[in-house]
Amino acid sequence: MIQAEGVAAVTDTDFDAEVLGADRPVLVEFTADWCGPCRQLAPVLSAVAREEAGRLKVLQIDADTNPETVVRYGVLSMPTLMVFDGGEPVKSMVGARPKRRLLQELEDVLG
């Protein structure tokens, strides 16, 4: 998995505790080693995780080694970004995007 600096990884095993049980909104990137756009997105996720640390938890999950979560949320493309709030998926975005656009898309969740 292409690990974004400052962004923790989750697995099928700890997804529910780390994401669904979180005390604030969570942005999860479904990623894979072979995904070129995922590499482009890594520095963006690092910056968002750093800048929004108090309001947003940012995590990554390797789609190839965690198939249960991928199937559970119907993820078909990499990267898929899903926002969870209160234990529920509230937003889904597919594809890499610049930081400014990602933050704009997150505003309705972050307020």
C-alpha atoms as a PDB file:
ATOM      1  CA  MET A   1       0.000   0.000   0.000  1.00  0.00           C
ATOM      2  CA  ILE A   2       1.168   3.517  -0.771  1.00  0.00           C
ATOM      3  CA  GLN A   3       1.314   4.906   2.753  1.00  0.00           C
ATOM      4  CA  ALA A   4       0.618   8.627   3.017  1.00  0.00           C
ATOM      5  CA  GLU A   5       2.796  10.273   5.657  1.00  0.00           C
ATOM      6  CA  GLY A   6       0.878  10.877   8.877  1.00  0.00           C
ATOM      7  CA  VAL A   7      -2.063   8.746   7.737  1.00  0.00           C
ATOM      8  CA  ALA A   8      -2.688   5.508   9.627  1.00  0.00           C
ATOM      9  CA  ALA A   9      -3.713   2.260   7.974  1.00  0.00           C
ATOM     10  CA  VAL A  10      -6.782   0.252   8.933  1.00  0.00           C
ATOM     11  CA  THR A  11      -7.709  -3.331   8.111  1.00  0.00           C
ATOM     12  CA  ASP A  12     -10.826  -5.477   7.919  1.00  0.00           C
ATOM     13  CA  THR A  13     -10.152  -6.390  11.556  1.00  0.00           C
ATOM     14  CA  ASP A  14     -10.041  -2.900  13.078  1.00  0.00           C
ATOM     15  CA  PHE A  15     -12.189  -0.951  10.582  1.00  0.00           C
ATOM     16  CA  ASP A  16     -15.323  -0.891  12.749  1.00  0.00           C
ATOM     17  CA  ALA A  17     -13.479   0.316  15.849  1.00  0.00           C
ATOM     18  CA  GLU A  18     -11.298   2.896  14.068  1.00  0.00           C
ATOM     19  CA  VAL A  19     -13.826   4.231  11.555  1.00  0.00           C
ATOM     20  CA  LEU A  20     -17.382   3.482  12.650  1.00  0.00           C
ATOM     21  CA  GLY A  21     -16.585   4.098  16.313  1.00  0.00           C
ATOM     22  CA  ALA A  22     -14.669   7.336  15.770  1.00  0.00           C
ATOM     23  CA  ASP A  23     -15.622  10.470  17.692  1.00  0.00           C
ATOM     24  CA  ARG A  24     -15.326  12.706  14.616  1.00  0.00           C
ATOM     25  CA  PRO A  25     -15.752  12.360  10.833  1.00  0.00           C
ATOM     26  CA  VAL A  26     -13.337   9.939   9.160  1.00  0.00           C
ATOM     27  CA  LEU A  27     -11.980  10.132   5.610  1.00  0.00           C
ATOM     28  CA  VAL A  28     -10.962   6.673   4.390  1.00  0.00           C
ATOM     29  CA  GLU A  29      -8.958   6.139   1.228  1.00  0.00           C
ATOM     30  CA  PHE A  30      -9.385   2.720  -0.369  1.00  0.00           C
ATOM     31  CA  THR A  31      -6.017   2.258  -2.064  1.00  0.00           C
ATOM     32  CA  ALA A  32      -3.741  -0.323  -3.700  1.00  0.00           C
ATOM     33  CA  ASP A  33      -0.046  -0.608  -4.551  1.00  0.00           C
ATOM     34  CA  TRP A  34      -0.727  -0.779  -8.288  1.00  0.00           C
ATOM     35  CA  CYS A  35      -2.833   2.411  -8.312  1.00  0.00           C
ATOM     36  CA  GLY A  36      -1.085   5.369  -9.952  1.00  0.00           C
ATOM     37  CA  PRO A  37      -3.668   7.979  -8.909  1.00  0.00           C
ATOM     38  CA  CYS A  38      -3.324   6.691  -5.314  1.00  0.00           C
ATOM     39  CA  ARG A  39       0.347   7.722  -5.415  1.00  0.00           C
ATOM     40  CA  GLN A  40      -0.686  11.186  -6.596  1.00  0.00           C
ATOM     41  CA  LEU A  41      -3.190  11.436  -3.759  1.00  0.00           C
ATOM     42  CA  ALA A  42      -0.753  10.453  -0.961  1.00  0.00           C
ATOM     43  CA  PRO A  43       0.722  13.949  -0.389  1.00  0.00           C
ATOM     44  CA  VAL A  44      -2.775  15.466  -0.530  1.00  0.00           C
ATOM     45  CA  LEU A  45      -4.014  13.092   2.178  1.00  0.00           C
ATOM     46  CA  SER A  46      -0.949  13.843   4.301  1.00  0.00           C
ATOM     47  CA  ALA A  47      -1.622  17.585   4.071  1.00  0.00           C
ATOM     48  CA  VAL A  48      -5.343  17.206   4.816  1.00  0.00           C
ATOM     49  CA  ALA A  49      -4.622  14.926   7.794  1.00  0.00           C
ATOM     50  CA  ARG A  50      -2.193  17.491   9.198  1.00  0.00           C
ATOM     51  CA  GLU A  51      -4.345  20.570   8.569  1.00  0.00           C
ATOM     52  CA  GLU A  52      -7.659  19.063   9.704  1.00  0.00           C
ATOM     53  CA  ALA A  53      -6.336  16.935  12.596  1.00  0.00           C
ATOM     54  CA  GLY A  54      -8.816  18.343  15.112  1.00  0.00           C
ATOM     55  CA  ARG A  55     -11.873  17.968  12.880  1.00  0.00           C
ATOM     56  CA  LEU A  56     -11.166  14.959  10.671  1.00  0.00           C
ATOM     57  CA  LYS A  57      -9.490  11.585  11.060  1.00  0.00           C
ATOM     58  CA  VAL A  58      -7.783  10.395   7.845  1.00  0.00           C
ATOM     59  CA  LEU A  59      -7.111   6.682   7.284  1.00  0.00           C
ATOM     60  CA  GLN A  60      -6.144   4.343   4.457  1.00  0.00           C
ATOM     61  CA  ILE A  61      -7.156   0.766   3.750  1.00  0.00           C
ATOM     62  CA  ASP A  62      -5.404  -1.529   1.264  1.00  0.00           C
ATOM     63  CA  ALA A  63      -8.141  -2.860  -1.004  1.00  0.00           C
ATOM     64  CA  ASP A  64      -6.147  -5.921  -2.066  1.00  0.00           C
ATOM     65  CA  THR A  65      -5.537  -7.235   1.443  1.00  0.00           C
ATOM     66  CA  ASN A  66      -8.857  -6.187   3.007  1.00  0.00           C
ATOM     67  CA  PRO A  67     -11.551  -7.527   0.680  1.00  0.00           C
ATOM     68  CA  GLU A  68     -14.313  -7.727   3.311  1.00  0.00           C
ATOM     69  CA  THR A  69     -14.458  -3.949   3.767  1.00  0.00           C
ATOM     70  CA  VAL A  70     -14.153  -3.336   0.019  1.00  0.00           C
ATOM     71  CA  VAL A  71     -17.144  -5.587  -0.681  1.00  0.00           C
ATOM     72  CA  ARG A  72     -19.098  -4.233   2.286  1.00  0.00           C
ATOM     73  CA  TYR A  73     -18.975  -0.681   0.893  1.00  0.00           C
ATOM     74  CA  GLY A  74     -19.160  -1.571  -2.808  1.00  0.00           C
ATOM     75  CA  VAL A  75     -15.785  -0.081  -3.720  1.00  0.00           C
ATOM     76  CA  LEU A  76     -15.028  -0.700  -7.402  1.00  0.00           C
ATOM     77  CA  SER A  77     -12.326   1.851  -8.294  1.00  0.00           C
ATOM     78  CA  MET A  78      -9.100   3.094  -6.747  1.00  0.00           C
ATOM     79  CA  PRO A  79      -8.738   5.481  -5.163  1.00  0.00           C
ATOM     80  CA  THR A  80     -12.151   5.702  -3.574  1.00  0.00           C
ATOM     81  CA  LEU A  81     -12.501   8.203  -0.749  1.00  0.00           C
ATOM     82  CA  MET A  82     -15.351   7.664   1.673  1.00  0.00           C
ATOM     83  CA  VAL A  83     -16.346   9.913   4.539  1.00  0.00           C
ATOM     84  CA  PHE A  84     -17.940   8.292   7.579  1.00  0.00           C
ATOM     85  CA  ASP A  85     -19.728  10.276  10.263  1.00  0.00           C
ATOM     86  CA  GLY A  86     -21.532   8.798  13.230  1.00  0.00           C
ATOM     87  CA  GLY A  87     -20.716   5.303  12.030  1.00  0.00           C
ATOM     88  CA  GLU A  88     -22.329   5.788   8.611  1.00  0.00           C
ATOM     89  CA  PRO A  89     -20.896   6.518   5.147  1.00  0.00           C
ATOM     90  CA  VAL A  90     -22.043  10.035   4.233  1.00  0.00           C
ATOM     91  CA  LYS A  91     -19.980  10.832   1.134  1.00  0.00           C
ATOM     92  CA  SER A  92     -18.084   8.941  -1.553  1.00  0.00           C
ATOM     93  CA  MET A  93     -15.621  10.295  -4.122  1.00  0.00           C
ATOM     94  CA  VAL A  94     -13.687   8.393  -6.781  1.00  0.00           C
ATOM     95  CA  GLY A  95     -10.322   9.458  -8.179  1.00  0.00           C
ATOM     96  CA  ALA A  96      -7.424  11.668  -7.184  1.00  0.00           C
ATOM     97  CA  ARG A  97      -8.004  15.372  -6.709  1.00  0.00           C
ATOM     98  CA  PRO A  98      -5.986  18.390  -5.590  1.00  0.00           C
ATOM     99  CA  LYS A  99      -6.072  19.378  -1.922  1.00  0.00           C
ATOM    100  CA  ARG A 100      -8.163  22.495  -2.507  1.00  0.00           C
ATOM    101  CA  ARG A 101     -10.884  20.539  -4.303  1.00  0.00           C
ATOM    102  CA  LEU A 102     -10.879  17.786  -1.687  1.00  0.00           C
ATOM    103  CA  LEU A 103     -11.262  20.317   1.128  1.00  0.00           C
ATOM    104  CA  GLN A 104     -14.148  21.978  -0.757  1.00  0.00           C
ATOM    105  CA  GLU A 105     -15.857  18.593  -1.113  1.00  0.00           C
ATOM    106  CA  LEU A 106     -15.384  17.920   2.604  1.00  0.00           C
ATOM    107  CA  GLU A 107     -16.834  21.254   3.769  1.00  0.00           C
ATOM    108  CA  ASP A 108     -20.424  20.003   3.896  1.00  0.00           C
ATOM    109  CA  VAL A 109     -19.307  17.261   6.288  1.00  0.00           C
ATOM    110  CA  LEU A 110     -16.871  19.343   8.324  1.00  0.00           C
ATOM    111  CA  GLY A 111     -19.010  22.447   8.413  1.00  0.00           C
END
